[in-house]
Structure formats: C-alpha cells, structure tokens
Amino acid sequence: MHYRKLGNSDLTVSEIALGSWLTYGAGVEKTQAIACVHKALELGITLIDTSNIYGRGTAETLLGEALQGVPRSSYVLATKLFFPMTATDRGLSRAQIQKQLDASLKRLKTDYVDLYQCHRYDPETPLQETMEALTEAVISGKTRYIGFSEWPVDKIKASESVGLSTVGNYSCMQPHSHHCRRNPACISRTWFRTWNLYQHKHYQHLCHLL
C-alpha cells in the first residue's frame, strides 16, 4: 500500500480508500461488511469514506460497529452531509450542520471525524452561515478538517473569501479525481480547515485527469 499526505493537511492516507455507498448497511450483509472493513485495514487501507445519507445512516452505524476496538489514530474517517435525512432535515444551515454532525458521530461511535464534507452546495443557505458553522465544528474538536464535494468552482472561491474575512484561512487539498473524469469542465476541488491553521495557502490546482 502506498501513502501520501492529503493535500496540505497533516493527514497521511492510503492511496486507496474504502467507500460505503450502496454497500454497508444496505446492499452487503452485515457480517460480510464488517469482515470487509477489517480486511481493508489489514491490507493497509487507512482512509474510510462515508456519508450520513448512505443508507440513511446505516452505513455510518455499520462502520461504527466495525471500527470498535480499532485504534482511532490508525485510520482517517471522512463523512458528509447535505441530502435529506427526513422531510425537514437537509442542507447546510448552522442548525443542520450541528445536528447532522452530532448524529454522525453518535452512529460512528467516535468523538470526532477527520474530515467533514459538504456533499453538495446549498443555494438556500447563505454561504457565510455555512462556513461559520463548519468553523465552529472545527473549533469544537468534532472534526479536524472540512471539505466540499462537487461544489461549483465559483462557490469554492467565494468560500475562501468568507474564510479569509470571518473564519480564518483555508488550505487547498487534492480533489476527488473521479469527479473530474466524469465532467472535466466541472473541476472539483476540496478545501479544508484545521485547528490553529492561520497561514493562508494559495490556490493549488491539483485536479489532474489520470
């Protein structure tokens, strides 16, 4: 297994990640799913990606069970929010970020995630509210970094402006390359904030079509 730093962060991750969409808590039987997680860890995979919407929380619940007894510092845990969890719970408002992050942590049986991502852009919530709430999540210790998944480039740039003026500076990280392959015209970049990171990092275009 090969490892690399995740962008400019201090997170070291395996180059292969273990995902959980349409599998854990849904399409794969429980004992097989847990065995798969343990085998992935045995093979050196350290980056585990999930989302609250995967199985409406069941993927996170399965991972929380599978990772019990595994040293927390031995893997990097990433989850997301945005899509509807109920008829009234969706989006990136301050209230939803607080509520959904707490719910994810409970299902995952952990005090923090390493990466908390906005699964899509929320046009119904002011960007400043979203960024401030994400910053509060970092300051609280509930997530180490925050990021974006499939956000328009102009919104990512706008979030940097909000970050620089109201919530501190952000570090540009490597994107999900498969997003680029799906639509080269829509470059997806990921931005993160870490505890005590106040030195601004210039844009780094790390989106390469592999």
C-alpha atoms as a PDB file:
ATOM      1  CA  MET A   1       0.000   0.000   0.000  1.00  0.00           C
ATOM      2  CA  HIS A   2       1.228   3.493  -0.826  1.00  0.00           C
ATOM      3  CA  TYR A   3       0.509   6.517   1.340  1.00  0.00           C
ATOM      4  CA  ARG A   4       0.531  10.259   0.838  1.00  0.00           C
ATOM      5  CA  LYS A   5      -0.360  13.471   2.595  1.00  0.00           C
ATOM      6  CA  LEU A   6      -3.910  14.615   1.926  1.00  0.00           C
ATOM      7  CA  GLY A   7      -3.175  17.905   0.194  1.00  0.00           C
ATOM      8  CA  ASN A   8      -1.610  20.407   2.589  1.00  0.00           C
ATOM      9  CA  SER A   9      -3.031  18.757   5.689  1.00  0.00           C
ATOM     10  CA  ASP A  10      -1.159  16.719   8.272  1.00  0.00           C
ATOM     11  CA  LEU A  11      -3.284  13.676   7.435  1.00  0.00           C
ATOM     12  CA  THR A  12      -1.450  10.709   5.943  1.00  0.00           C
ATOM     13  CA  VAL A  13      -3.822   8.491   3.976  1.00  0.00           C
ATOM     14  CA  SER A  14      -3.647   5.367   1.874  1.00  0.00           C
ATOM     15  CA  GLU A  15      -3.890   5.983  -1.862  1.00  0.00           C
ATOM     16  CA  ILE A  16      -6.841   3.566  -1.925  1.00  0.00           C
ATOM     17  CA  ALA A  17      -9.865   4.497   0.195  1.00  0.00           C
ATOM     18  CA  LEU A  18     -12.690   2.305   1.462  1.00  0.00           C
ATOM     19  CA  GLY A  19     -16.092   3.685   0.443  1.00  0.00           C
ATOM     20  CA  SER A  20     -19.532   2.715   1.718  1.00  0.00           C
ATOM     21  CA  TRP A  21     -22.153   3.935  -0.766  1.00  0.00           C
ATOM     22  CA  LEU A  22     -24.803   1.316  -1.673  1.00  0.00           C
ATOM     23  CA  THR A  23     -22.900  -1.304   0.299  1.00  0.00           C
ATOM     24  CA  TYR A  24     -22.575  -1.150   4.061  1.00  0.00           C
ATOM     25  CA  GLY A  25     -25.855  -1.142   5.911  1.00  0.00           C
ATOM     26  CA  ALA A  26     -27.701  -1.655   2.634  1.00  0.00           C
ATOM     27  CA  GLY A  27     -26.506  -3.958  -0.155  1.00  0.00           C
ATOM     28  CA  VAL A  28     -23.983  -6.096   1.730  1.00  0.00           C
ATOM     29  CA  GLU A  29     -24.856  -8.486   4.546  1.00  0.00           C
ATOM     30  CA  LYS A  30     -23.667  -7.242   7.949  1.00  0.00           C
ATOM     31  CA  THR A  31     -21.082  -9.905   8.780  1.00  0.00           C
ATOM     32  CA  GLN A  32     -19.583  -9.649   5.297  1.00  0.00           C
ATOM     33  CA  ALA A  33     -19.477  -5.865   5.519  1.00  0.00           C
ATOM     34  CA  ILE A  34     -17.666  -5.920   8.855  1.00  0.00           C
ATOM     35  CA  ALA A  35     -15.240  -8.531   7.533  1.00  0.00           C
ATOM     36  CA  CYS A  36     -14.589  -6.306   4.509  1.00  0.00           C
ATOM     37  CA  VAL A  37     -13.734  -3.331   6.739  1.00  0.00           C
ATOM     38  CA  HIS A  38     -11.354  -5.441   8.824  1.00  0.00           C
ATOM     39  CA  LYS A  39      -9.704  -6.879   5.704  1.00  0.00           C
ATOM     40  CA  ALA A  40      -9.240  -3.400   4.258  1.00  0.00           C
ATOM     41  CA  LEU A  41      -7.495  -2.296   7.447  1.00  0.00           C
ATOM     42  CA  GLU A  42      -5.366  -5.445   7.396  1.00  0.00           C
ATOM     43  CA  LEU A  43      -4.265  -4.619   3.849  1.00  0.00           C
ATOM     44  CA  GLY A  44      -3.209  -1.132   4.878  1.00  0.00           C
ATOM     45  CA  ILE A  45      -6.182   0.979   3.802  1.00  0.00           C
ATOM     46  CA  THR A  46      -6.446   3.858   6.255  1.00  0.00           C
ATOM     47  CA  LEU A  47      -8.924   6.237   4.582  1.00  0.00           C
ATOM     48  CA  ILE A  48     -12.581   5.355   5.219  1.00  0.00           C
ATOM     49  CA  ASP A  49     -15.226   7.438   3.448  1.00  0.00           C
ATOM     50  CA  THR A  50     -18.941   7.526   4.210  1.00  0.00           C
ATOM     51  CA  SER A  51     -21.909   9.908   4.434  1.00  0.00           C
ATOM     52  CA  ASN A  52     -24.964  10.333   6.608  1.00  0.00           C
ATOM     53  CA  ILE A  53     -27.168   9.744   3.548  1.00  0.00           C
ATOM     54  CA  TYR A  54     -25.658   6.337   2.729  1.00  0.00           C
ATOM     55  CA  GLY A  55     -28.440   4.020   3.791  1.00  0.00           C
ATOM     56  CA  ARG A  56     -29.924   6.943   5.734  1.00  0.00           C
ATOM     57  CA  GLY A  57     -27.362   6.474   8.474  1.00  0.00           C
ATOM     58  CA  THR A  58     -26.987   2.697   8.287  1.00  0.00           C
ATOM     59  CA  ALA A  59     -23.553   2.854   6.625  1.00  0.00           C
ATOM     60  CA  GLU A  60     -22.233   5.042   9.438  1.00  0.00           C
ATOM     61  CA  THR A  61     -23.803   2.718  12.010  1.00  0.00           C
ATOM     62  CA  LEU A  62     -22.153  -0.313  10.425  1.00  0.00           C
ATOM     63  CA  LEU A  63     -18.764   1.415  10.331  1.00  0.00           C
ATOM     64  CA  GLY A  64     -19.161   2.489  13.942  1.00  0.00           C
ATOM     65  CA  GLU A  65     -19.616  -1.127  14.914  1.00  0.00           C
ATOM     66  CA  ALA A  66     -16.867  -2.458  12.644  1.00  0.00           C
ATOM     67  CA  LEU A  67     -14.303   0.031  13.943  1.00  0.00           C
ATOM     68  CA  GLN A  68     -14.889  -0.678  17.625  1.00  0.00           C
ATOM     69  CA  GLY A  69     -11.593  -1.754  19.186  1.00  0.00           C
ATOM     70  CA  VAL A  70      -9.529  -0.371  16.294  1.00  0.00           C
ATOM     71  CA  PRO A  71      -7.138   2.366  17.498  1.00  0.00           C
ATOM     72  CA  ARG A  72      -8.704   5.664  16.444  1.00  0.00           C
ATOM     73  CA  SER A  73      -5.365   7.097  15.351  1.00  0.00           C
ATOM     74  CA  SER A  74      -4.814   4.239  12.890  1.00  0.00           C
ATOM     75  CA  TYR A  75      -7.395   5.359  10.316  1.00  0.00           C
ATOM     76  CA  VAL A  76      -8.766   8.554   8.768  1.00  0.00           C
ATOM     77  CA  LEU A  77     -12.550   8.843   8.910  1.00  0.00           C
ATOM     78  CA  ALA A  78     -14.484  11.063   6.491  1.00  0.00           C
ATOM     79  CA  THR A  79     -18.214  11.677   6.314  1.00  0.00           C
ATOM     80  CA  LYS A  80     -20.591  14.154   4.678  1.00  0.00           C
ATOM     81  CA  LEU A  81     -23.921  15.965   4.938  1.00  0.00           C
ATOM     82  CA  PHE A  82     -26.424  17.751   2.690  1.00  0.00           C
ATOM     83  CA  PHE A  83     -29.037  15.338   1.349  1.00  0.00           C
ATOM     84  CA  PRO A  84     -32.400  14.847   3.126  1.00  0.00           C
ATOM     85  CA  MET A  85     -32.334  12.628   6.191  1.00  0.00           C
ATOM     86  CA  THR A  86     -36.009  13.357   6.916  1.00  0.00           C
ATOM     87  CA  ALA A  87     -38.702  15.515   5.366  1.00  0.00           C
ATOM     88  CA  THR A  88     -37.328  18.527   7.241  1.00  0.00           C
ATOM     89  CA  ASP A  89     -33.640  17.690   7.722  1.00  0.00           C
ATOM     90  CA  ARG A  90     -31.414  18.641   4.799  1.00  0.00           C
ATOM     91  CA  GLY A  91     -28.976  21.291   3.613  1.00  0.00           C
ATOM     92  CA  LEU A  92     -26.101  23.241   5.148  1.00  0.00           C
ATOM     93  CA  SER A  93     -27.689  25.604   7.645  1.00  0.00           C
ATOM     94  CA  ARG A  94     -25.986  26.113  11.006  1.00  0.00           C
ATOM     95  CA  ALA A  95     -28.691  24.072  12.717  1.00  0.00           C
ATOM     96  CA  GLN A  96     -28.345  21.193  10.252  1.00  0.00           C
ATOM     97  CA  ILE A  97     -24.545  21.114  10.431  1.00  0.00           C
ATOM     98  CA  GLN A  98     -24.687  20.909  14.212  1.00  0.00           C
ATOM     99  CA  LYS A  99     -27.475  18.335  14.230  1.00  0.00           C
ATOM    100  CA  GLN A 100     -26.159  16.093  11.473  1.00  0.00           C
ATOM    101  CA  LEU A 101     -22.566  16.125  12.707  1.00  0.00           C
ATOM    102  CA  ASP A 102     -23.662  15.101  16.197  1.00  0.00           C
ATOM    103  CA  ALA A 103     -25.841  12.354  14.720  1.00  0.00           C
ATOM    104  CA  SER A 104     -22.980  11.074  12.546  1.00  0.00           C
ATOM    105  CA  LEU A 105     -20.593  10.995  15.492  1.00  0.00           C
ATOM    106  CA  LYS A 106     -23.114   9.003  17.513  1.00  0.00           C
ATOM    107  CA  ARG A 107     -23.605   6.458  14.728  1.00  0.00           C
ATOM    108  CA  LEU A 108     -19.859   6.208  14.092  1.00  0.00           C
ATOM    109  CA  LYS A 109     -19.204   5.803  17.845  1.00  0.00           C
ATOM    110  CA  THR A 110     -16.435   8.403  17.840  1.00  0.00           C
ATOM    111  CA  ASP A 111     -15.781  11.830  19.325  1.00  0.00           C
ATOM    112  CA  TYR A 112     -14.573  13.325  16.044  1.00  0.00           C
ATOM    113  CA  VAL A 113     -14.175  12.746  12.329  1.00  0.00           C
ATOM    114  CA  ASP A 114     -11.029  13.660  10.463  1.00  0.00           C
ATOM    115  CA  LEU A 115     -12.862  15.173   7.507  1.00  0.00           C
ATOM    116  CA  TYR A 116     -16.396  16.601   7.370  1.00  0.00           C
ATOM    117  CA  GLN A 117     -17.569  17.388   3.844  1.00  0.00           C
ATOM    118  CA  CYS A 118     -20.474  19.280   2.334  1.00  0.00           C
ATOM    119  CA  HIS A 119     -21.872  16.713  -0.091  1.00  0.00           C
ATOM    120  CA  ARG A 120     -23.305  19.405  -2.393  1.00  0.00           C
ATOM    121  CA  TYR A 121     -23.662  23.192  -2.418  1.00  0.00           C
ATOM    122  CA  ASP A 122     -26.752  24.548  -0.655  1.00  0.00           C
ATOM    123  CA  PRO A 123     -28.226  27.538  -2.539  1.00  0.00           C
ATOM    124  CA  GLU A 124     -30.875  28.010   0.142  1.00  0.00           C
ATOM    125  CA  THR A 125     -28.413  28.803   2.935  1.00  0.00           C
ATOM    126  CA  PRO A 126     -26.123  31.854   3.000  1.00  0.00           C
ATOM    127  CA  LEU A 127     -22.551  30.749   2.369  1.00  0.00           C
ATOM    128  CA  GLN A 128     -21.296  32.705   5.360  1.00  0.00           C
ATOM    129  CA  GLU A 129     -23.652  30.811   7.676  1.00  0.00           C
ATOM    130  CA  THR A 130     -22.407  27.503   6.324  1.00  0.00           C
ATOM    131  CA  MET A 131     -18.739  28.443   6.645  1.00  0.00           C
ATOM    132  CA  GLU A 132     -19.150  29.822  10.135  1.00  0.00           C
ATOM    133  CA  ALA A 133     -20.935  26.664  11.265  1.00  0.00           C
ATOM    134  CA  LEU A 134     -18.217  24.478   9.775  1.00  0.00           C
ATOM    135  CA  THR A 135     -15.581  26.560  11.512  1.00  0.00           C
ATOM    136  CA  GLU A 136     -17.429  26.123  14.792  1.00  0.00           C
ATOM    137  CA  ALA A 137     -17.340  22.369  14.203  1.00  0.00           C
ATOM    138  CA  VAL A 138     -13.568  22.501  13.820  1.00  0.00           C
ATOM    139  CA  ILE A 139     -13.083  24.696  16.880  1.00  0.00           C
ATOM    140  CA  SER A 140     -15.263  22.340  18.930  1.00  0.00           C
ATOM    141  CA  GLY A 141     -12.999  19.433  18.035  1.00  0.00           C
ATOM    142  CA  LYS A 142     -15.744  17.443  16.349  1.00  0.00           C
ATOM    143  CA  THR A 143     -13.922  17.483  13.015  1.00  0.00           C
ATOM    144  CA  ARG A 144     -10.308  18.109  12.128  1.00  0.00           C
ATOM    145  CA  TYR A 145     -10.897  19.322   8.583  1.00  0.00           C
ATOM    146  CA  ILE A 146     -13.815  20.409   6.438  1.00  0.00           C
ATOM    147  CA  GLY A 147     -14.231  19.935   2.712  1.00  0.00           C
ATOM    148  CA  PHE A 148     -16.519  20.187  -0.301  1.00  0.00           C
ATOM    149  CA  SER A 149     -17.795  17.517  -2.662  1.00  0.00           C
ATOM    150  CA  GLU A 150     -18.914  18.535  -6.159  1.00  0.00           C
ATOM    151  CA  TRP A 151     -19.197  22.251  -5.447  1.00  0.00           C
ATOM    152  CA  PRO A 152     -19.069  24.736  -8.350  1.00  0.00           C
ATOM    153  CA  VAL A 153     -15.671  26.404  -8.649  1.00  0.00           C
ATOM    154  CA  ASP A 154     -17.128  29.883  -8.116  1.00  0.00           C
ATOM    155  CA  LYS A 155     -18.673  28.787  -4.816  1.00  0.00           C
ATOM    156  CA  ILE A 156     -15.394  27.324  -3.646  1.00  0.00           C
ATOM    157  CA  LYS A 157     -13.657  30.619  -4.442  1.00  0.00           C
ATOM    158  CA  ALA A 158     -16.415  32.512  -2.643  1.00  0.00           C
ATOM    159  CA  SER A 159     -15.988  30.286   0.416  1.00  0.00           C
ATOM    160  CA  GLU A 160     -12.324  31.234   0.546  1.00  0.00           C
ATOM    161  CA  SER A 161     -13.287  34.905   0.652  1.00  0.00           C
ATOM    162  CA  VAL A 162     -15.666  34.194   3.509  1.00  0.00           C
ATOM    163  CA  GLY A 163     -12.978  32.197   5.230  1.00  0.00           C
ATOM    164  CA  LEU A 164     -10.355  34.885   4.941  1.00  0.00           C
ATOM    165  CA  SER A 165     -12.643  37.599   6.281  1.00  0.00           C
ATOM    166  CA  THR A 166     -14.589  35.853   9.007  1.00  0.00           C
ATOM    167  CA  VAL A 167     -13.487  32.360   9.871  1.00  0.00           C
ATOM    168  CA  GLY A 168      -9.776  32.119   9.240  1.00  0.00           C
ATOM    169  CA  ASN A 169      -7.760  30.705   6.373  1.00  0.00           C
ATOM    170  CA  TYR A 170      -8.216  27.518   4.421  1.00  0.00           C
ATOM    171  CA  SER A 171      -5.856  25.040   2.865  1.00  0.00           C
ATOM    172  CA  CYS A 172      -6.423  23.710  -0.643  1.00  0.00           C
ATOM    173  CA  MET A 173      -6.483  19.943  -0.875  1.00  0.00           C
ATOM    174  CA  GLN A 174      -6.457  17.299  -3.571  1.00  0.00           C
ATOM    175  CA  PRO A 175      -9.895  16.697  -5.127  1.00  0.00           C
ATOM    176  CA  HIS A 176     -11.748  13.503  -5.846  1.00  0.00           C
ATOM    177  CA  SER A 177     -10.245  12.716  -9.244  1.00  0.00           C
ATOM    178  CA  HIS A 178     -13.242  10.624 -10.348  1.00  0.00           C
ATOM    179  CA  HIS A 179     -15.359  13.780 -10.255  1.00  0.00           C
ATOM    180  CA  CYS A 180     -13.004  15.303 -12.801  1.00  0.00           C
ATOM    181  CA  ARG A 181     -13.149  12.274 -15.031  1.00  0.00           C
ATOM    182  CA  ARG A 182     -16.936  12.403 -15.002  1.00  0.00           C
ATOM    183  CA  ASN A 183     -17.020  16.005 -16.124  1.00  0.00           C
ATOM    184  CA  PRO A 184     -13.684  17.676 -16.961  1.00  0.00           C
ATOM    185  CA  ALA A 185     -15.478  21.008 -17.410  1.00  0.00           C
ATOM    186  CA  CYS A 186     -16.589  20.959 -13.778  1.00  0.00           C
ATOM    187  CA  ILE A 187     -13.385  20.867 -11.786  1.00  0.00           C
ATOM    188  CA  SER A 188     -13.967  19.744  -8.212  1.00  0.00           C
ATOM    189  CA  ARG A 189     -11.561  20.951  -5.595  1.00  0.00           C
ATOM    190  CA  THR A 190     -11.630  20.295  -1.896  1.00  0.00           C
ATOM    191  CA  TRP A 191     -10.917  22.849   0.797  1.00  0.00           C
ATOM    192  CA  PHE A 192     -10.192  22.181   4.411  1.00  0.00           C
ATOM    193  CA  ARG A 193      -9.609  23.999   7.653  1.00  0.00           C
ATOM    194  CA  THR A 194      -7.602  22.581  10.543  1.00  0.00           C
ATOM    195  CA  TRP A 195      -7.106  23.545  14.157  1.00  0.00           C
ATOM    196  CA  ASN A 196      -4.749  26.503  14.508  1.00  0.00           C
ATOM    197  CA  LEU A 197      -4.172  26.819  10.759  1.00  0.00           C
ATOM    198  CA  TYR A 198      -3.851  30.530  10.162  1.00  0.00           C
ATOM    199  CA  GLN A 199      -1.279  30.716   7.407  1.00  0.00           C
ATOM    200  CA  HIS A 200      -3.008  31.239   4.063  1.00  0.00           C
ATOM    201  CA  LYS A 201      -2.230  28.767   1.325  1.00  0.00           C
ATOM    202  CA  HIS A 202      -2.555  29.962  -2.260  1.00  0.00           C
ATOM    203  CA  TYR A 203      -4.744  28.105  -4.705  1.00  0.00           C
ATOM    204  CA  GLN A 204      -3.156  24.912  -5.884  1.00  0.00           C
ATOM    205  CA  HIS A 205      -4.725  23.367  -8.938  1.00  0.00           C
ATOM    206  CA  LEU A 206      -4.316  19.710  -8.155  1.00  0.00           C
ATOM    207  CA  CYS A 207      -7.053  18.341 -10.371  1.00  0.00           C
ATOM    208  CA  HIS A 208      -5.391  16.158 -12.973  1.00  0.00           C
ATOM    209  CA  LEU A 209      -7.138  13.790 -15.330  1.00  0.00           C
ATOM    210  CA  LEU A 210      -5.479  10.445 -14.699  1.00  0.00           C
END
